[in-house]
Amino acid sequence: MTTPYVVTRGVYSDYHIVAIFSTRERAERFAAPLSGAHIPESEQMVIEEYELDPDVAPPRVGWRIHMDMTNGSLDADGIFNDVRFGELIGFPTRAYTQRIGPRSGQKRLVTEVECGFNEKERAIKVANERRVALIASGEGTP
């Protein structure tokens, strides 16, 4: 695996990348003139190491889904996603009766499902399974 050596300079809003090298030796040669205790911190060049192509799981998405409890249909705007890097938004699964609008009295399900960014169909399937479980328990009877 290749480790890139990134030479940076500056602090806070002035922090920036100056150059990137394939070896530590080349990075040190480049940064040497502006490194060391005799240079003010804001002017020093610093060498940082990074892992290239780390073996980590891709970010997860919290899908919020609004579904009709009777037939499992979705509103046209009933699916929302937001990247949360492994954390769901925190909205609990619940069934409720809609009280306003043209569907007043309609039983709805609102739930969140954590899955991959491109797994919309899986999120809908999981939401529907939750809908069926709520109906079976009597809690979400339409």
N, C-alpha and C. Protein backbone atom coordinates (compact mmCIF):
# COMPACT_ATOMS: atom_id res chain seq x y z
N MET A 1 0.84 -1.18 0.00
CA MET A 1 0.00 0.00 0.00
C MET A 1 0.89 1.24 0.00
N THR A 2 0.50 2.24 -0.75
CA THR A 2 1.23 3.48 -0.84
C THR A 2 0.75 4.46 0.22
N THR A 3 1.70 5.11 0.87
CA THR A 3 1.37 6.15 1.84
C THR A 3 1.75 7.49 1.23
N PRO A 4 0.78 8.37 1.01
CA PRO A 4 1.14 9.71 0.52
C PRO A 4 1.64 10.57 1.67
N TYR A 5 2.65 11.37 1.41
CA TYR A 5 3.22 12.30 2.39
C TYR A 5 2.82 13.70 1.95
N VAL A 6 2.00 14.33 2.77
CA VAL A 6 1.41 15.61 2.41
C VAL A 6 2.13 16.71 3.19
N VAL A 7 2.67 17.68 2.47
CA VAL A 7 3.32 18.82 3.10
C VAL A 7 2.30 19.93 3.21
N THR A 8 2.07 20.38 4.46
CA THR A 8 1.09 21.44 4.70
C THR A 8 1.79 22.65 5.31
N ARG A 9 1.07 23.76 5.29
CA ARG A 9 1.60 25.00 5.85
C ARG A 9 0.44 25.85 6.34
N GLY A 10 0.67 26.62 7.38
CA GLY A 10 -0.35 27.53 7.88
C GLY A 10 -1.14 26.94 9.02
N VAL A 11 -1.93 27.80 9.65
CA VAL A 11 -2.79 27.39 10.76
C VAL A 11 -4.18 27.95 10.55
N TYR A 12 -5.16 27.27 11.12
CA TYR A 12 -6.57 27.68 11.05
C TYR A 12 -7.00 27.95 9.61
N SER A 13 -7.54 29.11 9.33
CA SER A 13 -8.08 29.38 7.99
C SER A 13 -6.99 29.49 6.93
N ASP A 14 -5.74 29.63 7.34
CA ASP A 14 -4.63 29.71 6.39
C ASP A 14 -4.00 28.34 6.13
N TYR A 15 -4.48 27.29 6.82
CA TYR A 15 -3.95 25.94 6.65
C TYR A 15 -4.22 25.47 5.22
N HIS A 16 -3.19 24.94 4.55
CA HIS A 16 -3.37 24.47 3.19
C HIS A 16 -2.30 23.44 2.82
N ILE A 17 -2.59 22.67 1.79
CA ILE A 17 -1.65 21.69 1.27
C ILE A 17 -0.72 22.40 0.30
N VAL A 18 0.58 22.15 0.48
CA VAL A 18 1.58 22.75 -0.39
C VAL A 18 1.98 21.75 -1.49
N ALA A 19 2.21 20.50 -1.09
CA ALA A 19 2.62 19.48 -2.06
C ALA A 19 2.37 18.09 -1.48
N ILE A 20 2.33 17.09 -2.36
CA ILE A 20 2.13 15.70 -1.96
C ILE A 20 3.24 14.87 -2.60
N PHE A 21 3.85 13.98 -1.78
CA PHE A 21 4.98 13.18 -2.25
C PHE A 21 4.74 11.70 -2.00
N SER A 22 5.43 10.87 -2.78
CA SER A 22 5.30 9.42 -2.66
C SER A 22 6.25 8.85 -1.62
N THR A 23 7.28 9.59 -1.21
CA THR A 23 8.20 9.11 -0.19
C THR A 23 8.42 10.19 0.87
N ARG A 24 8.72 9.73 2.08
CA ARG A 24 8.99 10.67 3.17
C ARG A 24 10.26 11.47 2.87
N GLU A 25 11.26 10.84 2.28
CA GLU A 25 12.52 11.51 1.99
C GLU A 25 12.31 12.71 1.06
N ARG A 26 11.52 12.54 0.03
CA ARG A 26 11.26 13.66 -0.90
C ARG A 26 10.49 14.78 -0.20
N ALA A 27 9.52 14.40 0.65
CA ALA A 27 8.76 15.40 1.39
C ALA A 27 9.67 16.17 2.35
N GLU A 28 10.58 15.46 3.03
CA GLU A 28 11.50 16.12 3.96
C GLU A 28 12.45 17.07 3.24
N ARG A 29 12.97 16.66 2.09
CA ARG A 29 13.84 17.54 1.31
C ARG A 29 13.11 18.82 0.90
N PHE A 30 11.87 18.66 0.47
CA PHE A 30 11.08 19.81 0.03
C PHE A 30 10.77 20.74 1.21
N ALA A 31 10.39 20.18 2.36
CA ALA A 31 9.95 20.98 3.50
C ALA A 31 11.10 21.53 4.35
N ALA A 32 12.30 21.00 4.22
CA ALA A 32 13.42 21.36 5.09
C ALA A 32 13.66 22.86 5.23
N PRO A 33 13.65 23.65 4.15
CA PRO A 33 13.95 25.09 4.30
C PRO A 33 12.96 25.82 5.20
N LEU A 34 11.73 25.33 5.30
CA LEU A 34 10.73 26.01 6.13
C LEU A 34 10.22 25.09 7.22
N SER A 35 11.12 24.38 7.89
CA SER A 35 10.78 23.51 9.01
C SER A 35 11.75 23.79 10.14
N GLY A 36 11.32 23.54 11.35
CA GLY A 36 12.21 23.68 12.50
C GLY A 36 11.80 24.79 13.44
N ALA A 37 12.46 24.82 14.60
CA ALA A 37 12.11 25.75 15.67
C ALA A 37 12.38 27.20 15.32
N HIS A 38 13.26 27.47 14.38
CA HIS A 38 13.61 28.84 14.04
C HIS A 38 12.55 29.52 13.15
N ILE A 39 11.58 28.77 12.68
CA ILE A 39 10.53 29.28 11.80
C ILE A 39 9.24 29.43 12.61
N PRO A 40 8.53 30.57 12.51
CA PRO A 40 7.25 30.71 13.22
C PRO A 40 6.27 29.61 12.80
N GLU A 41 5.44 29.17 13.73
CA GLU A 41 4.51 28.06 13.47
C GLU A 41 3.67 28.30 12.22
N SER A 42 3.20 29.51 12.02
CA SER A 42 2.33 29.79 10.87
C SER A 42 3.05 29.68 9.54
N GLU A 43 4.40 29.70 9.57
CA GLU A 43 5.18 29.62 8.33
C GLU A 43 5.82 28.25 8.10
N GLN A 44 5.78 27.39 9.12
CA GLN A 44 6.43 26.09 9.02
C GLN A 44 5.70 25.17 8.05
N MET A 45 6.49 24.32 7.42
CA MET A 45 5.91 23.24 6.62
C MET A 45 5.91 21.99 7.47
N VAL A 46 4.79 21.27 7.46
CA VAL A 46 4.63 20.08 8.27
C VAL A 46 4.33 18.91 7.34
N ILE A 47 4.91 17.76 7.63
CA ILE A 47 4.67 16.56 6.83
C ILE A 47 3.63 15.71 7.54
N GLU A 48 2.56 15.39 6.83
CA GLU A 48 1.49 14.55 7.36
C GLU A 48 1.41 13.28 6.52
N GLU A 49 1.15 12.16 7.18
CA GLU A 49 0.99 10.88 6.48
C GLU A 49 -0.49 10.53 6.44
N TYR A 50 -0.93 10.00 5.32
CA TYR A 50 -2.31 9.56 5.17
C TYR A 50 -2.34 8.15 4.63
N GLU A 51 -3.40 7.43 4.96
CA GLU A 51 -3.60 6.10 4.42
C GLU A 51 -4.37 6.25 3.11
N LEU A 52 -3.82 5.70 2.06
CA LEU A 52 -4.45 5.78 0.75
C LEU A 52 -5.39 4.59 0.58
N ASP A 53 -6.60 4.82 0.12
CA ASP A 53 -7.61 3.78 -0.07
C ASP A 53 -7.81 2.95 1.20
N PRO A 54 -8.18 3.59 2.31
CA PRO A 54 -8.37 2.84 3.55
C PRO A 54 -9.49 1.81 3.41
N ASP A 55 -9.35 0.72 4.13
CA ASP A 55 -10.33 -0.36 4.10
C ASP A 55 -11.40 -0.07 5.15
N VAL A 56 -12.31 0.83 4.82
CA VAL A 56 -13.39 1.20 5.74
C VAL A 56 -14.72 1.04 5.02
N ALA A 57 -15.76 0.86 5.80
CA ALA A 57 -17.10 0.74 5.23
C ALA A 57 -17.54 2.09 4.66
N PRO A 58 -18.32 2.07 3.59
CA PRO A 58 -18.81 3.33 3.02
C PRO A 58 -19.79 4.00 3.98
N PRO A 59 -19.96 5.29 3.84
CA PRO A 59 -20.92 5.99 4.70
C PRO A 59 -22.31 5.39 4.57
N ARG A 60 -23.06 5.41 5.65
CA ARG A 60 -24.42 4.90 5.66
C ARG A 60 -25.38 6.07 5.58
N VAL A 61 -26.61 5.76 5.24
CA VAL A 61 -27.62 6.79 5.07
C VAL A 61 -28.83 6.44 5.93
N GLY A 62 -29.42 7.44 6.53
CA GLY A 62 -30.68 7.24 7.21
C GLY A 62 -31.80 7.62 6.25
N TRP A 63 -32.59 6.65 5.85
CA TRP A 63 -33.74 6.89 4.96
C TRP A 63 -34.97 7.08 5.83
N ARG A 64 -35.66 8.18 5.70
CA ARG A 64 -36.94 8.39 6.39
C ARG A 64 -38.04 8.11 5.37
N ILE A 65 -38.94 7.22 5.73
CA ILE A 65 -39.97 6.76 4.80
C ILE A 65 -41.35 7.00 5.39
N HIS A 66 -42.24 7.57 4.58
CA HIS A 66 -43.65 7.79 4.94
C HIS A 66 -44.46 6.83 4.07
N MET A 67 -45.24 5.98 4.73
CA MET A 67 -45.94 4.91 4.01
C MET A 67 -47.38 4.79 4.50
N ASP A 68 -48.28 4.49 3.58
CA ASP A 68 -49.68 4.24 3.91
C ASP A 68 -49.77 2.90 4.64
N MET A 69 -50.35 2.89 5.84
CA MET A 69 -50.44 1.65 6.61
C MET A 69 -51.35 0.62 5.95
N THR A 70 -52.34 1.05 5.18
CA THR A 70 -53.30 0.13 4.58
C THR A 70 -52.69 -0.69 3.46
N ASN A 71 -52.02 -0.02 2.52
CA ASN A 71 -51.55 -0.73 1.34
C ASN A 71 -50.05 -0.64 1.08
N GLY A 72 -49.32 0.07 1.93
CA GLY A 72 -47.87 0.17 1.77
C GLY A 72 -47.41 1.13 0.70
N SER A 73 -48.33 1.91 0.13
CA SER A 73 -47.91 2.85 -0.91
C SER A 73 -47.16 4.02 -0.29
N LEU A 74 -46.34 4.65 -1.11
CA LEU A 74 -45.53 5.78 -0.67
C LEU A 74 -46.06 7.06 -1.29
N ASP A 75 -45.92 8.16 -0.58
CA ASP A 75 -46.19 9.46 -1.20
C ASP A 75 -45.11 9.71 -2.23
N ALA A 76 -45.39 10.56 -3.19
CA ALA A 76 -44.37 10.92 -4.17
C ALA A 76 -43.15 11.51 -3.47
N ASP A 77 -43.38 12.21 -2.38
CA ASP A 77 -42.27 12.78 -1.62
C ASP A 77 -42.09 12.05 -0.30
N GLY A 78 -42.43 10.77 -0.28
CA GLY A 78 -42.43 10.01 0.97
C GLY A 78 -41.13 9.37 1.35
N ILE A 79 -40.07 9.58 0.59
CA ILE A 79 -38.78 8.97 0.90
C ILE A 79 -37.74 10.09 0.95
N PHE A 80 -37.03 10.15 2.04
CA PHE A 80 -36.02 11.18 2.19
C PHE A 80 -34.74 10.50 2.65
N ASN A 81 -33.59 10.97 2.19
CA ASN A 81 -32.35 10.43 2.72
C ASN A 81 -31.41 11.57 3.07
N ASP A 82 -30.50 11.25 3.96
CA ASP A 82 -29.55 12.24 4.43
C ASP A 82 -28.33 11.48 4.94
N VAL A 83 -27.17 11.80 4.42
CA VAL A 83 -25.97 11.12 4.84
C VAL A 83 -25.67 11.48 6.29
N ARG A 84 -25.52 10.46 7.12
CA ARG A 84 -25.27 10.69 8.54
C ARG A 84 -24.04 9.91 9.01
N PHE A 85 -23.25 9.33 8.11
CA PHE A 85 -22.04 8.63 8.44
C PHE A 85 -22.21 7.67 9.62
N GLY A 86 -23.21 6.81 9.48
CA GLY A 86 -23.41 5.75 10.46
C GLY A 86 -24.39 6.09 11.56
N GLU A 87 -24.91 7.30 11.57
CA GLU A 87 -25.88 7.65 12.61
C GLU A 87 -27.22 7.95 11.97
N LEU A 88 -28.26 7.33 12.49
CA LEU A 88 -29.59 7.66 12.02
C LEU A 88 -30.01 9.01 12.57
N ILE A 89 -30.98 9.58 11.96
CA ILE A 89 -31.44 10.91 12.35
C ILE A 89 -32.08 10.88 13.73
N GLY A 90 -32.61 9.75 14.15
CA GLY A 90 -33.14 9.61 15.49
C GLY A 90 -34.65 9.69 15.58
N PHE A 91 -35.33 9.62 14.45
CA PHE A 91 -36.78 9.69 14.43
C PHE A 91 -37.34 8.29 14.68
N PRO A 92 -38.20 8.10 15.67
CA PRO A 92 -38.69 6.75 15.99
C PRO A 92 -39.70 6.25 14.95
N THR A 93 -39.78 4.92 14.81
CA THR A 93 -40.81 4.32 13.99
C THR A 93 -42.14 4.55 14.68
N ARG A 94 -43.13 5.04 13.93
CA ARG A 94 -44.44 5.25 14.54
C ARG A 94 -45.53 5.18 13.48
N ALA A 95 -46.68 4.76 13.92
CA ALA A 95 -47.87 4.78 13.07
C ALA A 95 -48.76 5.88 13.63
N TYR A 96 -49.39 6.63 12.77
CA TYR A 96 -50.26 7.71 13.23
C TYR A 96 -51.39 7.90 12.23
N THR A 97 -52.42 8.58 12.66
CA THR A 97 -53.53 8.91 11.77
C THR A 97 -53.35 10.34 11.30
N GLN A 98 -53.32 10.50 9.99
CA GLN A 98 -53.14 11.84 9.43
C GLN A 98 -54.41 12.65 9.67
N ARG A 99 -54.27 13.84 10.17
CA ARG A 99 -55.43 14.64 10.56
C ARG A 99 -55.70 15.82 9.63
N ILE A 100 -54.80 16.11 8.71
CA ILE A 100 -54.99 17.28 7.85
C ILE A 100 -54.84 16.89 6.38
N GLY A 101 -55.31 17.74 5.53
CA GLY A 101 -55.12 17.54 4.10
C GLY A 101 -56.12 16.59 3.49
N PRO A 102 -55.93 16.29 2.20
CA PRO A 102 -56.88 15.47 1.46
C PRO A 102 -56.94 14.03 1.95
N ARG A 103 -55.94 13.58 2.70
CA ARG A 103 -55.93 12.20 3.18
C ARG A 103 -56.29 12.13 4.67
N SER A 104 -57.01 13.09 5.17
CA SER A 104 -57.36 13.14 6.58
C SER A 104 -58.00 11.82 7.01
N GLY A 105 -57.54 11.28 8.12
CA GLY A 105 -58.05 10.01 8.63
C GLY A 105 -57.27 8.82 8.13
N GLN A 106 -56.34 9.01 7.21
CA GLN A 106 -55.55 7.91 6.67
C GLN A 106 -54.47 7.51 7.67
N LYS A 107 -54.29 6.23 7.88
CA LYS A 107 -53.27 5.72 8.80
C LYS A 107 -51.93 5.70 8.07
N ARG A 108 -50.91 6.31 8.69
CA ARG A 108 -49.59 6.44 8.06
C ARG A 108 -48.52 5.79 8.94
N LEU A 109 -47.43 5.40 8.31
CA LEU A 109 -46.25 4.91 9.01
C LEU A 109 -45.11 5.87 8.68
N VAL A 110 -44.36 6.24 9.69
CA VAL A 110 -43.13 7.00 9.48
C VAL A 110 -42.02 6.22 10.17
N THR A 111 -40.98 5.90 9.42
CA THR A 111 -39.88 5.13 9.99
C THR A 111 -38.58 5.54 9.33
N GLU A 112 -37.48 5.19 9.98
CA GLU A 112 -36.16 5.41 9.40
C GLU A 112 -35.45 4.07 9.28
N VAL A 113 -34.69 3.94 8.20
CA VAL A 113 -33.96 2.71 7.93
C VAL A 113 -32.53 3.10 7.61
N GLU A 114 -31.59 2.42 8.23
CA GLU A 114 -30.18 2.67 7.92
C GLU A 114 -29.71 1.65 6.90
N CYS A 115 -29.23 2.13 5.77
CA CYS A 115 -28.65 1.27 4.74
C CYS A 115 -27.82 2.13 3.81
N GLY A 116 -27.28 1.55 2.77
CA GLY A 116 -26.41 2.27 1.86
C GLY A 116 -27.12 3.36 1.07
N PHE A 117 -26.34 4.30 0.58
CA PHE A 117 -26.86 5.45 -0.15
C PHE A 117 -27.65 5.04 -1.39
N ASN A 118 -27.24 3.96 -2.05
CA ASN A 118 -27.91 3.50 -3.27
C ASN A 118 -28.89 2.36 -3.01
N GLU A 119 -29.34 2.18 -1.77
CA GLU A 119 -30.22 1.07 -1.43
C GLU A 119 -31.63 1.53 -1.09
N LYS A 120 -32.18 2.37 -1.93
CA LYS A 120 -33.53 2.90 -1.71
C LYS A 120 -34.55 1.77 -1.65
N GLU A 121 -34.47 0.81 -2.57
CA GLU A 121 -35.43 -0.29 -2.60
C GLU A 121 -35.35 -1.12 -1.33
N ARG A 122 -34.14 -1.33 -0.82
CA ARG A 122 -33.99 -2.09 0.43
C ARG A 122 -34.62 -1.32 1.59
N ALA A 123 -34.44 -0.01 1.62
CA ALA A 123 -35.04 0.81 2.68
C ALA A 123 -36.56 0.70 2.65
N ILE A 124 -37.14 0.71 1.46
CA ILE A 124 -38.60 0.59 1.32
C ILE A 124 -39.05 -0.79 1.80
N LYS A 125 -38.29 -1.85 1.44
CA LYS A 125 -38.64 -3.21 1.86
C LYS A 125 -38.63 -3.33 3.38
N VAL A 126 -37.61 -2.79 4.02
CA VAL A 126 -37.52 -2.85 5.48
C VAL A 126 -38.68 -2.07 6.11
N ALA A 127 -39.00 -0.90 5.56
CA ALA A 127 -40.13 -0.12 6.08
C ALA A 127 -41.43 -0.90 5.95
N ASN A 128 -41.61 -1.58 4.83
CA ASN A 128 -42.82 -2.36 4.64
C ASN A 128 -42.89 -3.53 5.63
N GLU A 129 -41.75 -4.15 5.92
CA GLU A 129 -41.71 -5.23 6.91
C GLU A 129 -42.10 -4.69 8.29
N ARG A 130 -41.66 -3.49 8.60
CA ARG A 130 -42.05 -2.87 9.88
C ARG A 130 -43.55 -2.59 9.89
N ARG A 131 -44.08 -2.15 8.76
CA ARG A 131 -45.52 -1.88 8.64
C ARG A 131 -46.31 -3.16 8.92
N VAL A 132 -45.90 -4.26 8.30
CA VAL A 132 -46.58 -5.55 8.47
C VAL A 132 -46.50 -5.99 9.94
N ALA A 133 -45.32 -5.81 10.57
CA ALA A 133 -45.16 -6.20 11.97
C ALA A 133 -46.06 -5.36 12.87
N LEU A 134 -46.19 -4.06 12.59
CA LEU A 134 -47.07 -3.20 13.38
C LEU A 134 -48.54 -3.64 13.24
N ILE A 135 -48.92 -3.98 12.03
CA ILE A 135 -50.30 -4.44 11.80
C ILE A 135 -50.54 -5.75 12.55
N ALA A 136 -49.58 -6.68 12.47
CA ALA A 136 -49.70 -7.97 13.14
C ALA A 136 -49.80 -7.82 14.66
N SER A 137 -49.11 -6.82 15.20
CA SER A 137 -49.14 -6.62 16.65
C SER A 137 -50.42 -5.89 17.11
N GLY A 138 -51.16 -5.37 16.15
CA GLY A 138 -52.37 -4.63 16.49
C GLY A 138 -52.13 -3.15 16.72
N GLU A 139 -50.86 -2.76 16.85
CA GLU A 139 -50.54 -1.37 17.10
C GLU A 139 -50.80 -0.48 15.89
N GLY A 140 -50.57 -1.03 14.72
CA GLY A 140 -50.71 -0.22 13.51
C GLY A 140 -51.90 -0.61 12.67
N THR A 141 -52.92 -1.16 13.26
CA THR A 141 -54.10 -1.59 12.50
C THR A 141 -54.68 -0.42 11.73
N PRO A 142 -54.79 -0.58 10.41
CA PRO A 142 -55.31 0.52 9.60
C PRO A 142 -56.77 0.84 9.90
